[in-house]
N, C-alpha and C. Protein backbone atom coordinates (compact mmCIF):
# COMPACT_ATOMS: atom_id res chain seq x y z
N MET A 1 41.63 -1.16 70.06
CA MET A 1 42.29 -1.72 69.01
C MET A 1 43.45 -2.02 68.83
N ILE A 2 44.38 -3.17 68.43
CA ILE A 2 45.56 -3.25 68.77
C ILE A 2 46.13 -2.72 67.70
N GLU A 3 47.38 -2.06 67.70
CA GLU A 3 48.24 -1.27 67.14
C GLU A 3 49.27 -2.37 66.84
N THR A 4 49.24 -2.28 65.46
CA THR A 4 50.68 -3.14 64.24
C THR A 4 50.99 -2.47 63.38
N TRP A 5 52.16 -3.04 63.09
CA TRP A 5 52.54 -2.70 61.86
C TRP A 5 52.22 -2.86 60.49
N GLY A 6 50.84 -3.43 60.39
CA GLY A 6 50.36 -4.34 58.65
C GLY A 6 50.62 -5.75 58.86
N LEU A 7 50.24 -6.43 58.21
CA LEU A 7 50.05 -7.81 58.44
C LEU A 7 51.73 -8.13 57.40
N THR A 8 52.07 -9.05 58.06
CA THR A 8 53.16 -9.42 58.10
C THR A 8 53.63 -10.61 56.78
N HIS A 9 52.76 -11.41 56.99
CA HIS A 9 53.18 -12.57 55.99
C HIS A 9 51.49 -13.67 55.86
N ILE A 10 51.79 -14.47 54.89
CA ILE A 10 50.73 -15.41 54.95
C ILE A 10 51.60 -16.65 54.96
N HIS A 11 50.62 -17.41 55.41
CA HIS A 11 51.58 -18.93 55.66
C HIS A 11 50.51 -19.97 54.86
N LEU A 12 50.80 -20.50 53.65
CA LEU A 12 50.40 -21.20 53.19
C LEU A 12 50.84 -22.82 53.02
N ALA A 13 49.95 -23.50 53.14
CA ALA A 13 50.69 -25.19 53.24
C ALA A 13 49.97 -25.69 51.80
N VAL A 14 51.46 -26.25 51.36
CA VAL A 14 51.68 -26.51 49.88
C VAL A 14 51.89 -27.87 49.18
N SER A 15 51.21 -28.77 48.43
CA SER A 15 51.40 -29.90 47.56
C SER A 15 53.04 -30.37 47.53
N ASP A 16 53.55 -29.50 47.02
CA ASP A 16 55.42 -29.39 46.67
C ASP A 16 55.61 -28.11 47.14
N LEU A 17 56.59 -28.05 47.47
CA LEU A 17 57.53 -27.35 48.39
C LEU A 17 58.21 -26.78 47.31
N ALA A 18 59.29 -27.09 46.69
CA ALA A 18 60.07 -26.85 45.72
C ALA A 18 59.30 -26.16 44.26
N ARG A 19 58.03 -26.99 43.92
CA ARG A 19 57.53 -26.23 43.07
C ARG A 19 57.26 -24.92 43.22
N SER A 20 55.88 -24.61 44.39
CA SER A 20 55.87 -23.66 45.24
C SER A 20 57.09 -22.89 45.39
N LEU A 21 58.24 -23.03 45.51
CA LEU A 21 59.43 -22.18 46.14
C LEU A 21 59.79 -21.50 44.20
N LYS A 22 59.97 -21.90 43.54
CA LYS A 22 60.40 -21.76 41.94
C LYS A 22 58.42 -21.17 41.41
N PHE A 23 57.96 -20.97 42.14
CA PHE A 23 56.45 -20.28 41.42
C PHE A 23 56.42 -19.25 41.80
N TYR A 24 56.79 -19.02 42.90
CA TYR A 24 56.84 -17.52 43.98
C TYR A 24 58.14 -16.85 43.72
N SER A 25 59.03 -17.20 43.02
CA SER A 25 60.09 -16.59 42.87
C SER A 25 60.69 -15.84 42.07
N ASP A 26 59.95 -17.15 40.41
CA ASP A 26 60.08 -16.78 39.27
C ASP A 26 58.98 -15.64 38.86
N VAL A 27 57.92 -15.95 39.41
CA VAL A 27 56.65 -15.25 39.24
C VAL A 27 56.71 -13.65 39.86
N PHE A 28 56.76 -13.30 41.23
CA PHE A 28 56.89 -12.30 41.29
C PHE A 28 58.40 -11.95 42.51
N GLY A 29 59.39 -12.42 42.27
CA GLY A 29 60.60 -12.58 42.21
C GLY A 29 60.37 -12.34 43.87
N MET A 30 59.87 -13.33 44.23
CA MET A 30 60.13 -13.04 46.10
C MET A 30 61.71 -14.29 46.40
N GLU A 31 62.21 -14.03 47.32
CA GLU A 31 63.57 -14.19 47.75
C GLU A 31 63.61 -14.97 49.54
N VAL A 32 63.88 -16.13 49.70
CA VAL A 32 64.14 -16.91 50.66
C VAL A 32 64.63 -16.00 51.41
N ARG A 33 63.93 -15.85 52.60
CA ARG A 33 64.39 -14.94 53.79
C ARG A 33 65.36 -16.02 54.45
N PHE A 34 64.52 -17.14 54.94
CA PHE A 34 65.39 -18.26 55.75
C PHE A 34 64.72 -19.54 55.65
N TRP A 35 65.23 -20.65 56.08
CA TRP A 35 64.74 -21.98 56.05
C TRP A 35 64.40 -22.22 57.28
N ASP A 36 62.93 -23.49 57.80
CA ASP A 36 63.13 -23.44 59.10
C ASP A 36 62.79 -24.90 59.03
N GLY A 37 63.89 -25.50 58.75
CA GLY A 37 64.13 -27.00 58.22
C GLY A 37 64.01 -27.39 57.04
N PRO A 38 63.22 -28.59 56.61
CA PRO A 38 63.23 -28.94 55.57
C PRO A 38 62.12 -28.70 54.46
N GLY A 39 61.06 -28.50 55.43
CA GLY A 39 59.60 -28.51 55.16
C GLY A 39 59.20 -27.02 55.46
N MET A 40 59.71 -25.98 55.61
CA MET A 40 59.21 -24.53 55.27
C MET A 40 60.18 -23.88 55.24
N VAL A 41 59.57 -22.92 54.24
CA VAL A 41 60.76 -21.59 53.80
C VAL A 41 59.73 -20.15 53.77
N PHE A 42 60.75 -19.17 54.22
CA PHE A 42 60.05 -17.93 54.38
C PHE A 42 60.85 -17.25 53.27
N LEU A 43 59.61 -16.42 52.89
CA LEU A 43 60.09 -15.61 51.27
C LEU A 43 59.65 -14.45 51.69
N GLY A 44 60.51 -13.10 50.96
CA GLY A 44 59.80 -11.90 50.56
C GLY A 44 60.17 -11.16 49.87
N THR A 45 59.51 -9.87 49.51
CA THR A 45 59.88 -9.60 47.98
C THR A 45 61.31 -8.98 48.35
N PRO A 46 61.80 -8.19 47.23
CA PRO A 46 63.18 -7.22 47.74
C PRO A 46 63.09 -6.39 47.86
N GLY A 47 63.33 -5.30 49.53
CA GLY A 47 63.18 -4.16 49.68
C GLY A 47 61.49 -3.91 50.40
N GLY A 48 61.05 -4.95 50.42
CA GLY A 48 59.53 -4.77 51.44
C GLY A 48 59.62 -5.48 52.48
N ASN A 49 58.58 -5.80 53.55
CA ASN A 49 58.54 -6.53 54.53
C ASN A 49 57.01 -7.13 54.42
N ASP A 50 56.84 -7.39 52.97
CA ASP A 50 55.66 -8.50 53.24
C ASP A 50 56.70 -9.84 53.39
N GLY A 51 55.55 -10.81 53.28
CA GLY A 51 55.68 -12.37 53.52
C GLY A 51 55.18 -13.35 53.03
N VAL A 52 55.28 -14.21 52.57
CA VAL A 52 55.09 -15.04 52.33
C VAL A 52 55.74 -16.83 52.63
N THR A 53 55.17 -17.40 53.86
CA THR A 53 55.63 -18.61 54.12
C THR A 53 54.95 -19.90 53.51
N LEU A 54 55.40 -20.94 53.04
CA LEU A 54 55.45 -22.04 52.85
C LEU A 54 55.77 -23.35 53.54
N ARG A 55 54.79 -23.64 53.51
CA ARG A 55 54.93 -25.13 54.11
C ARG A 55 54.70 -26.64 53.62
N GLN A 56 55.37 -27.30 53.74
CA GLN A 56 55.34 -28.49 52.93
C GLN A 56 53.50 -29.14 53.51
N ALA A 57 52.83 -29.12 53.03
CA ALA A 57 51.61 -29.77 53.66
C ALA A 57 51.69 -31.69 53.91
N ASP A 58 50.80 -31.79 54.88
CA ASP A 58 51.58 -32.79 55.13
C ASP A 58 50.33 -33.75 54.62
N PRO A 59 50.41 -35.48 54.13
CA PRO A 59 49.51 -36.02 53.26
C PRO A 59 48.58 -36.03 54.11
N GLY A 60 47.23 -35.86 53.04
CA GLY A 60 45.78 -35.49 53.22
C GLY A 60 45.12 -34.03 53.70
N GLU A 61 46.37 -33.21 54.05
CA GLU A 61 45.67 -32.07 54.30
C GLU A 61 45.58 -31.01 53.13
N PRO A 62 44.57 -30.24 53.42
CA PRO A 62 44.33 -29.02 52.56
C PRO A 62 44.63 -28.58 52.12
N VAL A 63 45.04 -28.23 50.92
CA VAL A 63 45.76 -27.08 49.53
C VAL A 63 45.22 -25.86 49.11
N GLY A 64 44.94 -25.08 48.58
CA GLY A 64 44.97 -24.38 48.09
C GLY A 64 43.07 -23.65 48.28
N PRO A 65 42.26 -24.20 47.64
CA PRO A 65 40.92 -22.60 48.03
C PRO A 65 40.46 -23.33 49.12
N GLY A 66 40.47 -24.86 49.30
CA GLY A 66 40.15 -25.73 50.42
C GLY A 66 40.54 -25.68 52.11
N GLY A 67 41.72 -24.96 51.45
CA GLY A 67 42.90 -24.48 52.71
C GLY A 67 42.06 -23.66 54.24
N GLY A 68 41.24 -22.54 53.50
CA GLY A 68 40.83 -21.89 54.26
C GLY A 68 41.45 -20.17 54.12
N ILE A 69 41.99 -19.95 52.84
CA ILE A 69 42.48 -18.75 52.35
C ILE A 69 41.71 -18.30 50.82
N GLY A 70 41.13 -17.25 51.58
CA GLY A 70 40.17 -16.57 50.32
C GLY A 70 41.35 -16.09 49.05
N HIS A 71 41.94 -15.21 49.00
CA HIS A 71 42.87 -15.05 48.21
C HIS A 71 43.68 -13.58 49.27
N PHE A 72 44.97 -13.73 48.41
CA PHE A 72 46.08 -12.46 48.59
C PHE A 72 46.09 -11.61 47.84
N GLY A 73 46.42 -10.76 47.83
CA GLY A 73 47.17 -9.68 46.88
C GLY A 73 48.20 -9.30 46.54
N PHE A 74 49.04 -8.84 45.61
CA PHE A 74 50.43 -8.00 45.45
C PHE A 74 49.70 -7.07 44.64
N ARG A 75 50.37 -5.83 45.30
CA ARG A 75 50.19 -4.76 44.51
C ARG A 75 51.13 -4.32 43.51
N LEU A 76 50.69 -4.60 41.71
CA LEU A 76 51.60 -4.48 41.03
C LEU A 76 51.91 -2.68 40.77
N ARG A 77 53.49 -2.80 40.64
CA ARG A 77 54.20 -1.18 40.18
C ARG A 77 53.23 -0.29 38.76
N ASP A 78 53.09 -1.34 37.97
CA ASP A 78 53.05 -0.62 36.67
C ASP A 78 51.24 -1.34 36.56
N LYS A 79 49.97 -0.94 37.04
CA LYS A 79 48.58 -1.53 36.46
C LYS A 79 48.62 -2.32 35.65
N ASP A 80 49.48 -1.39 34.08
CA ASP A 80 49.49 -1.09 32.61
C ASP A 80 49.98 -2.83 32.47
N ARG A 81 50.85 -2.91 33.14
CA ARG A 81 51.47 -4.88 32.56
C ARG A 81 50.79 -5.66 33.47
N LEU A 82 49.46 -5.65 33.96
CA LEU A 82 48.43 -6.25 34.12
C LEU A 82 48.74 -7.47 32.99
N GLY A 83 48.21 -7.37 32.14
CA GLY A 83 48.28 -8.39 30.90
C GLY A 83 49.70 -9.33 31.02
N ASP A 84 51.00 -8.65 31.17
CA ASP A 84 52.23 -9.58 31.57
C ASP A 84 52.69 -9.79 32.69
N ALA A 85 51.41 -9.69 33.53
CA ALA A 85 51.52 -10.11 34.66
C ALA A 85 50.68 -11.94 34.58
N VAL A 86 49.54 -11.68 34.08
CA VAL A 86 48.71 -13.43 33.78
C VAL A 86 49.33 -13.76 33.15
N GLN A 87 50.52 -13.43 31.84
CA GLN A 87 51.29 -14.28 31.11
C GLN A 87 52.08 -15.10 31.83
N GLN A 88 53.00 -14.17 32.88
CA GLN A 88 54.01 -14.57 33.55
C GLN A 88 53.27 -15.80 34.61
N VAL A 89 52.18 -15.74 35.36
CA VAL A 89 51.75 -16.99 35.57
C VAL A 89 51.16 -17.73 35.26
N GLU A 90 50.90 -17.78 34.12
CA GLU A 90 50.34 -18.68 33.63
C GLU A 90 51.68 -19.63 32.97
N SER A 91 52.40 -19.05 32.58
CA SER A 91 53.97 -19.88 31.66
C SER A 91 54.87 -20.25 33.08
N ASN A 92 54.57 -20.31 34.46
CA ASN A 92 55.09 -20.94 35.69
C ASN A 92 54.01 -21.33 36.31
N GLY A 93 52.73 -22.41 36.09
CA GLY A 93 52.31 -23.16 36.25
C GLY A 93 51.30 -22.76 36.99
N GLY A 94 50.37 -21.53 36.91
CA GLY A 94 49.55 -20.93 37.31
C GLY A 94 48.35 -20.71 36.57
N ALA A 95 47.14 -19.95 36.53
CA ALA A 95 46.31 -19.72 35.55
C ALA A 95 45.41 -18.55 35.96
N LEU A 96 45.33 -17.68 35.00
CA LEU A 96 43.81 -16.77 35.19
C LEU A 96 42.69 -17.59 35.72
N VAL A 97 42.24 -16.55 36.99
CA VAL A 97 40.77 -16.98 37.27
C VAL A 97 39.62 -16.12 36.75
N GLU A 98 39.92 -15.11 37.20
CA GLU A 98 38.93 -13.72 36.47
C GLU A 98 39.81 -12.88 36.24
N ARG A 99 39.25 -11.83 35.49
CA ARG A 99 39.69 -10.45 35.19
C ARG A 99 38.89 -9.12 34.63
N GLY A 100 39.19 -8.43 35.82
CA GLY A 100 38.41 -6.92 35.15
C GLY A 100 38.43 -5.82 35.77
N GLU A 101 37.94 -4.88 36.04
CA GLU A 101 38.00 -3.81 36.99
C GLU A 101 36.89 -3.77 37.88
N HIS A 102 37.48 -3.25 39.09
CA HIS A 102 37.12 -2.58 40.50
C HIS A 102 35.72 -1.89 40.66
N ARG A 103 36.62 -1.00 39.32
CA ARG A 103 35.81 0.28 39.26
C ARG A 103 36.51 0.53 38.08
N PRO A 104 35.83 1.64 36.97
CA PRO A 104 36.48 2.26 35.76
C PRO A 104 38.19 3.06 36.52
N GLY A 105 39.30 2.32 35.34
CA GLY A 105 40.14 3.01 35.99
C GLY A 105 41.21 1.85 37.05
N VAL A 106 40.52 0.39 37.03
CA VAL A 106 41.17 0.38 38.74
C VAL A 106 41.31 -1.17 38.06
N PRO A 107 41.96 -2.20 37.24
CA PRO A 107 41.70 -3.14 36.95
C PRO A 107 42.52 -4.14 38.17
N PHE A 108 41.88 -5.75 37.75
CA PHE A 108 41.76 -6.55 38.60
C PHE A 108 42.61 -7.75 37.94
N ALA A 109 43.67 -8.59 38.10
CA ALA A 109 43.26 -9.87 37.90
C ALA A 109 43.23 -11.02 38.69
N TYR A 110 42.50 -11.65 38.87
CA TYR A 110 42.18 -13.34 40.20
C TYR A 110 43.35 -14.22 39.23
N VAL A 111 44.05 -14.81 40.04
CA VAL A 111 45.10 -15.89 39.28
C VAL A 111 45.66 -16.80 40.41
N SER A 112 45.45 -17.81 39.91
CA SER A 112 46.07 -19.04 40.99
C SER A 112 47.19 -19.67 40.87
N ASP A 113 48.06 -20.03 41.72
CA ASP A 113 49.54 -20.62 41.90
C ASP A 113 49.01 -21.87 41.47
N PRO A 114 49.90 -23.05 41.46
CA PRO A 114 50.22 -24.50 41.23
C PRO A 114 48.89 -24.97 41.96
N ASP A 115 48.79 -24.55 43.40
CA ASP A 115 48.17 -25.41 44.19
C ASP A 115 46.83 -24.91 44.33
N GLY A 116 46.50 -23.79 43.32
CA GLY A 116 44.88 -23.20 43.45
C GLY A 116 44.76 -22.10 44.58
N TYR A 117 45.62 -21.63 45.04
CA TYR A 117 45.27 -20.67 45.90
C TYR A 117 45.40 -19.30 45.11
N VAL A 118 44.14 -18.48 45.73
CA VAL A 118 43.96 -17.26 44.02
C VAL A 118 44.87 -15.84 45.00
N ILE A 119 45.12 -15.48 43.92
CA ILE A 119 46.38 -14.54 44.39
C ILE A 119 45.08 -13.24 43.30
N GLU A 120 45.08 -12.02 44.32
CA GLU A 120 44.75 -10.74 43.21
C GLU A 120 45.83 -9.99 42.94
N LEU A 121 46.11 -9.63 41.58
CA LEU A 121 46.77 -8.32 40.94
C LEU A 121 46.48 -7.38 40.52
C-alpha cells in the first residue's frame, strides 16, 4: 500500500477557462492558488487542502462526461442547505442531474458544471 495524505486535486480539461474559473469561484468559493501559464489555473477552497486544476482544452479534446471522469464531490458543511446549493449551481450556469438520498438522512444531489462535469454534493 502506498501511504498518502489523500486526494490532492482533480484536473479538468475545460472548454472555456474563464467561464469555469468563474463557476468554481462563485459556486464553491474556490480561490486561485496559482496560474501555470495562460491556459491552466490551480484552485482551492479557503483553508482546505483540496484542489481543482482547470486546463483550457485543446481544440477537439473531449471535455465533460466523455473526458473520462465519472464525478467528484464536495462535502457540504450543512446538508440542510442542499437545495440552496443546487440553486447556486443552476444560477451560475450548471444544472441539476439527480437528487435523492443515498440512505435515509443522507441526501445528495448530482449537479453539473457548464462543461457537463458531474459534481456530487
